[in-house]
C-alpha atoms as a PDB file:
ATOM      1  CA  MET A   1      -4.961 -12.002   8.878  1.00  0.00           C
ATOM      2  CA  ASP A   2      -1.161 -12.131   9.535  1.00  0.00           C
ATOM      3  CA  SER A   3      -0.653  -9.614   6.741  1.00  0.00           C
ATOM      4  CA  LEU A   4      -3.095  -7.184   8.303  1.00  0.00           C
ATOM      5  CA  LEU A   5      -1.406  -7.594  11.636  1.00  0.00           C
ATOM      6  CA  ALA A   6       1.944  -6.940   9.938  1.00  0.00           C
ATOM      7  CA  LEU A   7       0.706  -3.843   8.424  1.00  0.00           C
ATOM      8  CA  ALA A   8      -0.754  -2.622  11.716  1.00  0.00           C
ATOM      9  CA  THR A   9       2.642  -2.827  13.369  1.00  0.00           C
ATOM     10  CA  ASP A  10       4.641  -1.386  10.387  1.00  0.00           C
ATOM     11  CA  PRO A  11       5.575   2.275  10.788  1.00  0.00           C
ATOM     12  CA  THR A  12       5.925   2.649   7.022  1.00  0.00           C
ATOM     13  CA  ALA A  13       2.400   1.558   6.567  1.00  0.00           C
ATOM     14  CA  TRP A  14       1.152   4.152   9.107  1.00  0.00           C
ATOM     15  CA  SER A  15       3.085   6.834   7.258  1.00  0.00           C
ATOM     16  CA  ALA A  16       1.609   5.848   3.865  1.00  0.00           C
ATOM     17  CA  LEU A  17      -1.839   5.858   5.580  1.00  0.00           C
ATOM     18  CA  ALA A  18      -1.319   9.382   6.864  1.00  0.00           C
ATOM     19  CA  ALA A  19       0.000  10.599   3.453  1.00  0.00           C
ATOM     20  CA  LEU A  20      -2.818   8.952   1.545  1.00  0.00           C
ATOM     21  CA  THR A  21      -5.604  10.183   3.904  1.00  0.00           C
ATOM     22  CA  ALA A  22      -4.212  13.741   3.704  1.00  0.00           C
ATOM     23  CA  MET A  23      -4.192  13.499  -0.114  1.00  0.00           C
ATOM     24  CA  GLU A  24      -7.776  12.081  -0.214  1.00  0.00           C
ATOM     25  CA  VAL A  25      -9.041  14.834   2.153  1.00  0.00           C
ATOM     26  CA  VAL A  26      -7.483  17.586   0.020  1.00  0.00           C
ATOM     27  CA  LEU A  27      -8.819  16.134  -3.234  1.00  0.00           C
ATOM     28  CA  GLY A  28     -12.188  15.837  -1.430  1.00  0.00           C
ATOM     29  CA  ILE A  29     -12.359  19.540  -0.984  1.00  0.00           C
ATOM     30  CA  ASP A  30     -13.035  19.909  -4.678  1.00  0.00           C
ATOM     31  CA  ASN A  31     -15.931  17.500  -4.507  1.00  0.00           C
ATOM     32  CA  LEU A  32     -17.277  19.098  -1.339  1.00  0.00           C
ATOM     33  CA  ILE A  33     -17.479  22.542  -2.728  1.00  0.00           C
ATOM     34  CA  PHE A  34     -19.245  21.076  -5.791  1.00  0.00           C
ATOM     35  CA  ILE A  35     -21.714  19.159  -3.539  1.00  0.00           C
ATOM     36  CA  SER A  36     -22.402  22.223  -1.398  1.00  0.00           C
ATOM     37  CA  ILE A  37     -23.169  24.556  -4.296  1.00  0.00           C
ATOM     38  CA  LEU A  38     -25.492  21.930  -5.894  1.00  0.00           C
ATOM     39  CA  SER A  39     -27.309  20.906  -2.704  1.00  0.00           C
ATOM     40  CA  ASN A  40     -28.023  24.484  -1.700  1.00  0.00           C
ATOM     41  CA  LYS A  41     -30.209  24.877  -4.823  1.00  0.00           C
ATOM     42  CA  LEU A  42     -32.650  22.297  -3.419  1.00  0.00           C
ATOM     43  CA  PRO A  43     -35.477  22.890  -0.836  1.00  0.00           C
ATOM     44  CA  ALA A  44     -34.012  23.140   2.739  1.00  0.00           C
ATOM     45  CA  GLY A  45     -35.685  19.792   3.793  1.00  0.00           C
ATOM     46  CA  GLN A  46     -33.937  17.812   1.039  1.00  0.00           C
ATOM     47  CA  ARG A  47     -30.393  19.163   1.253  1.00  0.00           C
ATOM     48  CA  THR A  48     -28.945  17.029   4.037  1.00  0.00           C
ATOM     49  CA  ARG A  49     -30.477  13.820   2.567  1.00  0.00           C
ATOM     50  CA  ALA A  50     -29.228  14.570  -0.969  1.00  0.00           C
ATOM     51  CA  ARG A  51     -25.703  15.227   0.446  1.00  0.00           C
ATOM     52  CA  ARG A  52     -25.557  12.014   2.398  1.00  0.00           C
ATOM     53  CA  ILE A  53     -26.764   9.929  -0.558  1.00  0.00           C
ATOM     54  CA  GLY A  54     -24.371  11.591  -2.911  1.00  0.00           C
ATOM     55  CA  ILE A  55     -21.304  11.209  -0.553  1.00  0.00           C
ATOM     56  CA  GLY A  56     -22.391   7.663   0.417  1.00  0.00           C
ATOM     57  CA  GLY A  57     -22.692   6.774  -3.244  1.00  0.00           C
ATOM     58  CA  ALA A  58     -19.145   8.304  -3.811  1.00  0.00           C
ATOM     59  CA  LEU A  59     -17.722   6.065  -1.102  1.00  0.00           C
ATOM     60  CA  ILE A  60     -19.218   2.932  -2.628  1.00  0.00           C
ATOM     61  CA  LEU A  61     -18.002   3.978  -6.034  1.00  0.00           C
ATOM     62  CA  ARG A  62     -14.445   4.685  -4.782  1.00  0.00           C
ATOM     63  CA  LEU A  63     -14.265   1.248  -3.117  1.00  0.00           C
ATOM     64  CA  ILE A  64     -15.409  -0.387  -6.302  1.00  0.00           C
ATOM     65  CA  LEU A  65     -12.748   1.505  -8.187  1.00  0.00           C
ATOM     66  CA  LEU A  66     -10.087   0.598  -5.755  1.00  0.00           C
ATOM     67  CA  ALA A  67     -10.884  -3.064  -6.297  1.00  0.00           C
ATOM     68  CA  THR A  68     -10.059  -2.452 -10.049  1.00  0.00           C
ATOM     69  CA  ALA A  69      -6.878  -0.508  -9.181  1.00  0.00           C
ATOM     70  CA  ALA A  70      -4.692  -2.628 -11.474  1.00  0.00           C
ATOM     71  CA  PHE A  71      -7.108  -1.869 -14.378  1.00  0.00           C
ATOM     72  CA  ILE A  72      -7.180   1.729 -13.583  1.00  0.00           C
ATOM     73  CA  VAL A  73      -3.382   2.006 -13.610  1.00  0.00           C
ATOM     74  CA  ARG A  74      -3.428   0.653 -17.135  1.00  0.00           C
ATOM     75  CA  LEU A  75      -5.655   3.597 -18.177  1.00  0.00           C
ATOM     76  CA  THR A  76      -2.427   5.793 -18.193  1.00  0.00           C
ATOM     77  CA  ASP A  77      -1.139   3.736 -21.299  1.00  0.00           C
ATOM     78  CA  PRO A  78      -1.223   5.830 -24.475  1.00  0.00           C
ATOM     79  CA  ILE A  79      -4.068   4.902 -26.871  1.00  0.00           C
ATOM     80  CA  PHE A  80      -3.455   7.585 -29.712  1.00  0.00           C
ATOM     81  CA  ASP A  81      -1.411  10.499 -30.674  1.00  0.00           C
ATOM     82  CA  ILE A  82      -2.405  13.953 -31.935  1.00  0.00           C
ATOM     83  CA  MET A  83       0.286  16.126 -33.282  1.00  0.00           C
ATOM     84  CA  GLY A  84       2.940  14.305 -31.286  1.00  0.00           C
ATOM     85  CA  ASN A  85       1.008  14.366 -27.971  1.00  0.00           C
ATOM     86  CA  ALA A  86      -0.003  10.972 -26.656  1.00  0.00           C
ATOM     87  CA  PHE A  87      -3.341  10.578 -24.977  1.00  0.00           C
ATOM     88  CA  SER A  88      -4.546   7.865 -22.555  1.00  0.00           C
ATOM     89  CA  TRP A  89      -7.996   7.010 -21.253  1.00  0.00           C
ATOM     90  CA  ARG A  90      -6.985   8.812 -18.020  1.00  0.00           C
ATOM     91  CA  ASP A  91      -6.200  11.985 -20.082  1.00  0.00           C
ATOM     92  CA  ILE A  92      -9.535  11.838 -21.792  1.00  0.00           C
ATOM     93  CA  ILE A  93     -11.369  11.317 -18.516  1.00  0.00           C
ATOM     94  CA  LEU A  94      -9.552  14.359 -16.974  1.00  0.00           C
ATOM     95  CA  ILE A  95     -10.331  16.497 -20.001  1.00  0.00           C
ATOM     96  CA  ALA A  96     -14.063  15.421 -19.888  1.00  0.00           C
ATOM     97  CA  GLY A  97     -14.297  16.049 -16.139  1.00  0.00           C
ATOM     98  CA  GLY A  98     -12.594  19.436 -16.508  1.00  0.00           C
ATOM     99  CA  LEU A  99     -14.932  20.618 -19.380  1.00  0.00           C
ATOM    100  CA  PHE A 100     -17.805  19.483 -17.252  1.00  0.00           C
ATOM    101  CA  LEU A 101     -16.660  21.505 -14.203  1.00  0.00           C
ATOM    102  CA  VAL A 102     -16.058  24.547 -16.327  1.00  0.00           C
ATOM    103  CA  TRP A 103     -19.393  24.235 -18.023  1.00  0.00           C
ATOM    104  CA  LYS A 104     -21.243  23.699 -14.656  1.00  0.00           C
ATOM    105  CA  ALA A 105     -19.444  26.584 -12.828  1.00  0.00           C
ATOM    106  CA  THR A 106     -20.012  28.930 -15.855  1.00  0.00           C
ATOM    107  CA  ARG A 107     -23.781  27.884 -15.882  1.00  0.00           C
ATOM    108  CA  GLU A 108     -24.084  28.503 -12.138  1.00  0.00           C
ATOM    109  CA  ILE A 109     -22.594  31.976 -12.437  1.00  0.00           C
ATOM    110  CA  HIS A 110     -24.861  32.844 -15.288  1.00  0.00           C
ATOM    111  CA  GLN A 111     -27.915  31.759 -13.173  1.00  0.00           C
ATOM    112  CA  ILE A 112     -26.588  34.068 -10.387  1.00  0.00           C
ATOM    113  CA  VAL A 113     -26.178  37.204 -12.481  1.00  0.00           C
ATOM    114  CA  ASP A 114     -29.272  36.450 -14.783  1.00  0.00           C
ATOM    115  CA  PRO A 115     -32.214  38.679 -13.830  1.00  0.00           C
ATOM    116  CA  ASP A 116     -34.561  35.800 -14.938  1.00  0.00           C
ATOM    117  CA  PRO A 117     -33.454  32.739 -12.809  1.00  0.00           C
ATOM    118  CA  GLY A 118     -35.833  30.228 -14.775  1.00  0.00           C
ATOM    119  CA  PRO A 119     -38.106  27.591 -13.233  1.00  0.00           C
ATOM    120  CA  ASP A 120     -38.761  27.725  -9.509  1.00  0.00           C
ATOM    121  CA  VAL A 121     -36.498  24.994  -7.875  1.00  0.00           C
ATOM    122  CA  LEU A 122     -39.042  24.796  -5.022  1.00  0.00           C
ATOM    123  CA  ASN A 123     -41.524  23.192  -7.347  1.00  0.00           C
ATOM    124  CA  PRO A 124     -41.770  19.554  -6.183  1.00  0.00           C
ATOM    125  CA  GLU A 125     -41.372  18.211  -9.658  1.00  0.00           C
ATOM    126  CA  VAL A 126     -38.332  20.275 -10.475  1.00  0.00           C
ATOM    127  CA  ALA A 127     -36.852  19.428  -7.000  1.00  0.00           C
ATOM    128  CA  ALA A 128     -37.339  15.727  -7.485  1.00  0.00           C
ATOM    129  CA  VAL A 129     -35.583  15.881 -10.882  1.00  0.00           C
ATOM    130  CA  SER A 130     -32.808  18.071  -9.358  1.00  0.00           C
ATOM    131  CA  VAL A 131     -32.137  15.624  -6.571  1.00  0.00           C
ATOM    132  CA  ARG A 132     -31.519  12.692  -9.075  1.00  0.00           C
ATOM    133  CA  VAL A 133     -29.569  14.870 -11.475  1.00  0.00           C
ATOM    134  CA  MET A 134     -27.392  16.248  -8.513  1.00  0.00           C
ATOM    135  CA  ILE A 135     -26.489  12.701  -7.312  1.00  0.00           C
ATOM    136  CA  LEU A 136     -25.695  11.625 -10.770  1.00  0.00           C
ATOM    137  CA  GLN A 137     -23.356  14.593 -11.237  1.00  0.00           C
ATOM    138  CA  ILE A 138     -21.736  14.073  -7.964  1.00  0.00           C
ATOM    139  CA  LEU A 139     -21.004  10.415  -8.966  1.00  0.00           C
ATOM    140  CA  LEU A 140     -19.694  11.312 -12.368  1.00  0.00           C
ATOM    141  CA  LEU A 141     -17.378  13.993 -11.034  1.00  0.00           C
ATOM    142  CA  ASP A 142     -16.180  11.519  -8.314  1.00  0.00           C
ATOM    143  CA  VAL A 143     -15.128   9.094 -11.003  1.00  0.00           C
ATOM    144  CA  VAL A 144     -12.731  11.713 -12.463  1.00  0.00           C
ATOM    145  CA  PHE A 145     -11.277  12.532  -9.000  1.00  0.00           C
ATOM    146  CA  SER A 146     -11.053   8.928  -7.982  1.00  0.00           C
ATOM    147  CA  ILE A 147      -9.202   7.723 -11.067  1.00  0.00           C
ATOM    148  CA  ASP A 148      -6.655  10.565 -10.567  1.00  0.00           C
ATOM    149  CA  SER A 149      -6.269   9.780  -6.842  1.00  0.00           C
ATOM    150  CA  ILE A 150      -6.029   6.011  -7.332  1.00  0.00           C
ATOM    151  CA  VAL A 151      -3.141   6.313  -9.850  1.00  0.00           C
ATOM    152  CA  THR A 152      -1.301   8.488  -7.376  1.00  0.00           C
ATOM    153  CA  ALA A 153      -2.148   6.101  -4.481  1.00  0.00           C
ATOM    154  CA  VAL A 154      -0.790   3.153  -6.321  1.00  0.00           C
ATOM    155  CA  GLY A 155       2.502   4.976  -6.630  1.00  0.00           C
ATOM    156  CA  MET A 156       2.589   5.608  -2.796  1.00  0.00           C
ATOM    157  CA  THR A 157       1.695   2.191  -1.645  1.00  0.00           C
ATOM    158  CA  GLN A 158       0.831  -1.248  -2.995  1.00  0.00           C
ATOM    159  CA  HIS A 159      -1.393  -2.227  -0.052  1.00  0.00           C
ATOM    160  CA  LEU A 160      -5.159  -2.225  -0.769  1.00  0.00           C
ATOM    161  CA  PRO A 161      -6.223  -2.101   2.877  1.00  0.00           C
ATOM    162  CA  ILE A 162      -4.278   1.052   3.392  1.00  0.00           C
ATOM    163  CA  MET A 163      -5.951   2.600   0.369  1.00  0.00           C
ATOM    164  CA  ILE A 164      -9.470   1.500   1.555  1.00  0.00           C
ATOM    165  CA  THR A 165      -8.865   2.933   5.040  1.00  0.00           C
ATOM    166  CA  ALA A 166      -7.677   6.175   3.660  1.00  0.00           C
ATOM    167  CA  VAL A 167     -10.649   6.489   1.441  1.00  0.00           C
ATOM    168  CA  ILE A 168     -13.127   5.588   4.195  1.00  0.00           C
ATOM    169  CA  ILE A 169     -11.487   8.228   6.594  1.00  0.00           C
ATOM    170  CA  ALA A 170     -11.504  10.925   3.980  1.00  0.00           C
ATOM    171  CA  VAL A 171     -15.096  10.324   2.843  1.00  0.00           C
ATOM    172  CA  SER A 172     -16.218  10.205   6.489  1.00  0.00           C
ATOM    173  CA  THR A 173     -14.581  13.648   6.954  1.00  0.00           C
ATOM    174  CA  MET A 174     -16.458  14.908   3.879  1.00  0.00           C
ATOM    175  CA  LEU A 175     -19.695  13.657   5.369  1.00  0.00           C
ATOM    176  CA  LEU A 176     -19.159  15.429   8.668  1.00  0.00           C
ATOM    177  CA  ALA A 177     -18.074  18.688   6.894  1.00  0.00           C
ATOM    178  CA  ALA A 178     -20.851  18.702   4.228  1.00  0.00           C
ATOM    179  CA  ASP A 179     -23.593  20.367   6.231  1.00  0.00           C
ATOM    180  CA  PRO A 180     -21.352  22.989   8.039  1.00  0.00           C
ATOM    181  CA  LEU A 181     -19.696  23.981   4.732  1.00  0.00           C
ATOM    182  CA  SER A 182     -22.938  24.047   2.794  1.00  0.00           C
ATOM    183  CA  ASN A 183     -24.610  26.260   5.509  1.00  0.00           C
ATOM    184  CA  PHE A 184     -21.608  28.478   5.565  1.00  0.00           C
ATOM    185  CA  ILE A 185     -21.843  29.042   1.788  1.00  0.00           C
ATOM    186  CA  SER A 186     -25.610  29.442   1.975  1.00  0.00           C
ATOM    187  CA  ASN A 187     -25.313  32.158   4.674  1.00  0.00           C
ATOM    188  CA  ASN A 188     -22.545  34.051   2.898  1.00  0.00           C
ATOM    189  CA  PRO A 189     -23.686  34.725  -0.830  1.00  0.00           C
ATOM    190  CA  THR A 190     -20.300  36.236  -1.828  1.00  0.00           C
ATOM    191  CA  ILE A 191     -18.635  32.840  -0.915  1.00  0.00           C
ATOM    192  CA  VAL A 192     -20.755  31.207  -3.680  1.00  0.00           C
ATOM    193  CA  MET A 193     -19.077  33.160  -6.413  1.00  0.00           C
ATOM    194  CA  LEU A 194     -15.670  32.547  -4.815  1.00  0.00           C
ATOM    195  CA  ALA A 195     -16.480  28.818  -4.676  1.00  0.00           C
ATOM    196  CA  LEU A 196     -17.704  28.871  -8.335  1.00  0.00           C
ATOM    197  CA  GLY A 197     -14.312  30.501  -9.125  1.00  0.00           C
ATOM    198  CA  PHE A 198     -12.526  27.620  -7.464  1.00  0.00           C
ATOM    199  CA  LEU A 199     -14.398  25.110  -9.608  1.00  0.00           C
ATOM    200  CA  LEU A 200     -13.428  27.011 -12.669  1.00  0.00           C
ATOM    201  CA  LEU A 201      -9.828  26.897 -11.598  1.00  0.00           C
ATOM    202  CA  ILE A 202     -10.058  23.209 -10.807  1.00  0.00           C
ATOM    203  CA  GLY A 203     -11.737  22.360 -14.104  1.00  0.00           C
ATOM    204  CA  THR A 204      -9.011  24.268 -16.082  1.00  0.00           C
ATOM    205  CA  THR A 205      -6.387  22.455 -14.138  1.00  0.00           C
ATOM    206  CA  LEU A 206      -7.879  19.005 -15.083  1.00  0.00           C
ATOM    207  CA  ILE A 207      -8.078  20.043 -18.670  1.00  0.00           C
ATOM    208  CA  ALA A 208      -4.472  21.125 -18.615  1.00  0.00           C
ATOM    209  CA  GLU A 209      -3.380  17.888 -17.049  1.00  0.00           C
ATOM    210  CA  GLY A 210      -5.287  15.848 -19.607  1.00  0.00           C
ATOM    211  CA  PHE A 211      -3.115  17.668 -22.339  1.00  0.00           C
ATOM    212  CA  GLY A 212      -0.024  16.713 -20.490  1.00  0.00           C
ATOM    213  CA  MET A 213       0.708  20.068 -18.715  1.00  0.00           C
ATOM    214  CA  HIS A 214       1.212  19.261 -15.137  1.00  0.00           C
ATOM    215  CA  LEU A 215       0.295  22.058 -12.708  1.00  0.00           C
ATOM    216  CA  PRO A 216       1.654  21.461  -9.155  1.00  0.00           C
ATOM    217  CA  ARG A 217      -1.488  21.030  -6.916  1.00  0.00           C
ATOM    218  CA  PRO A 218       0.267  22.854  -3.890  1.00  0.00           C
ATOM    219  CA  TYR A 219       0.257  26.042  -6.079  1.00  0.00           C
ATOM    220  CA  ILE A 220      -3.414  25.707  -6.995  1.00  0.00           C
ATOM    221  CA  TYR A 221      -4.566  25.104  -3.469  1.00  0.00           C
ATOM    222  CA  SER A 222      -2.290  27.810  -2.001  1.00  0.00           C
ATOM    223  CA  ALA A 223      -3.945  30.395  -4.539  1.00  0.00           C
ATOM    224  CA  MET A 224      -7.334  29.011  -3.428  1.00  0.00           C
ATOM    225  CA  ALA A 225      -6.389  29.486   0.328  1.00  0.00           C
ATOM    226  CA  PHE A 226      -5.154  33.032  -0.339  1.00  0.00           C
ATOM    227  CA  SER A 227      -8.310  33.996  -2.057  1.00  0.00           C
ATOM    228  CA  ALA A 228     -10.383  32.444   0.825  1.00  0.00           C
ATOM    229  CA  VAL A 229      -8.388  34.373   3.417  1.00  0.00           C
ATOM    230  CA  ILE A 230      -8.892  37.596   1.554  1.00  0.00           C
ATOM    231  CA  GLU A 231     -12.712  36.964   1.297  1.00  0.00           C
ATOM    232  CA  GLY A 232     -12.734  36.205   4.971  1.00  0.00           C
ATOM    233  CA  LEU A 233     -11.203  39.515   5.773  1.00  0.00           C
ATOM    234  CA  ASN A 234     -13.762  41.180   3.497  1.00  0.00           C
ATOM    235  CA  MET A 235     -16.537  39.434   5.458  1.00  0.00           C
ATOM    236  CA  LEU A 236     -15.089  40.624   8.783  1.00  0.00           C
ATOM    237  CA  SER A 237     -14.827  44.169   7.401  1.00  0.00           C
ATOM    238  CA  ARG A 238     -18.486  44.133   6.155  1.00  0.00           C
ATOM    239  CA  ARG A 239     -19.662  42.727   9.528  1.00  0.00           C
ATOM    240  CA  ALA A 240     -17.775  45.453  11.364  1.00  0.00           C
ATOM    241  CA  ARG A 241     -19.325  48.183   9.224  1.00  0.00           C
ATOM    242  CA  GLN A 242     -22.825  46.743   9.859  1.00  0.00           C
ATOM    243  CA  ARG A 243     -22.230  46.657  13.573  1.00  0.00           C
ATOM    244  CA  ARG A 244     -21.092  50.334  13.623  1.00  0.00           C
ATOM    245  CA  ALA A 245     -24.107  51.252  11.401  1.00  0.00           C
ATOM    246  CA  SER A 246     -26.518  49.549  13.801  1.00  0.00           C
ATOM    247  CA  GLN A 247     -24.962  51.230  16.936  1.00  0.00           C
ATOM    248  CA  THR A 248     -25.002  54.733  15.379  1.00  0.00           C
ATOM    249  CA  PRO A 249     -28.133  56.593  16.469  1.00  0.00           C
ATOM    250  CA  PRO A 250     -30.142  58.082  13.666  1.00  0.00           C
ATOM    251  CA  PRO A 251     -29.818  61.818  13.087  1.00  0.00           C
END
């Protein structure tokens, strides 16, 4: 109890909490885009429930992983070498997660451009399977991002309560933003392709980091933000043209 009170009155602890929370929120954007794209494929009545279960499960999973932070940090120790490059369990997990993201984003893009979309997702049996598969995919991907963020968090602070608080705040933010973001993506089809492009970029970044090529995250997110701004301007332009067309009397 005394240690918690000491943390609450320590300005360094508050700055560490702010930095960790910001990092968790930024890393959560990747997960949120992934969740939004997957959940929008479900029937409308099941989307919110599936998102909440997936994000709630991700919160529990992250708290469990935080409790094993000391073990996770050891995942960075090299376990084998290939042509002079050392690989750890963390590298293997990042590569596997990156390959999964690239595969999933490529598959979703193929389904969008394929004239034959396959089985009807509104079929109850297909939808039930999709909910379970979606939640499993969310949890598996969250393991990848959680391990990466926990290794970073341990380098920023050694206080477990600060890490837990940052994770709870970040996941709560994801929970609040999930429905608005998913609805926005659903109402703007061109955003779906842009979001899938983001997932391809993130997946490629994870693979590169797994092979020891560190790509600064600020550059990645700056490129994503720039693309989002350009697409936002395109959306405003399209809506302006539609308004002008609707106001022009027929000849």
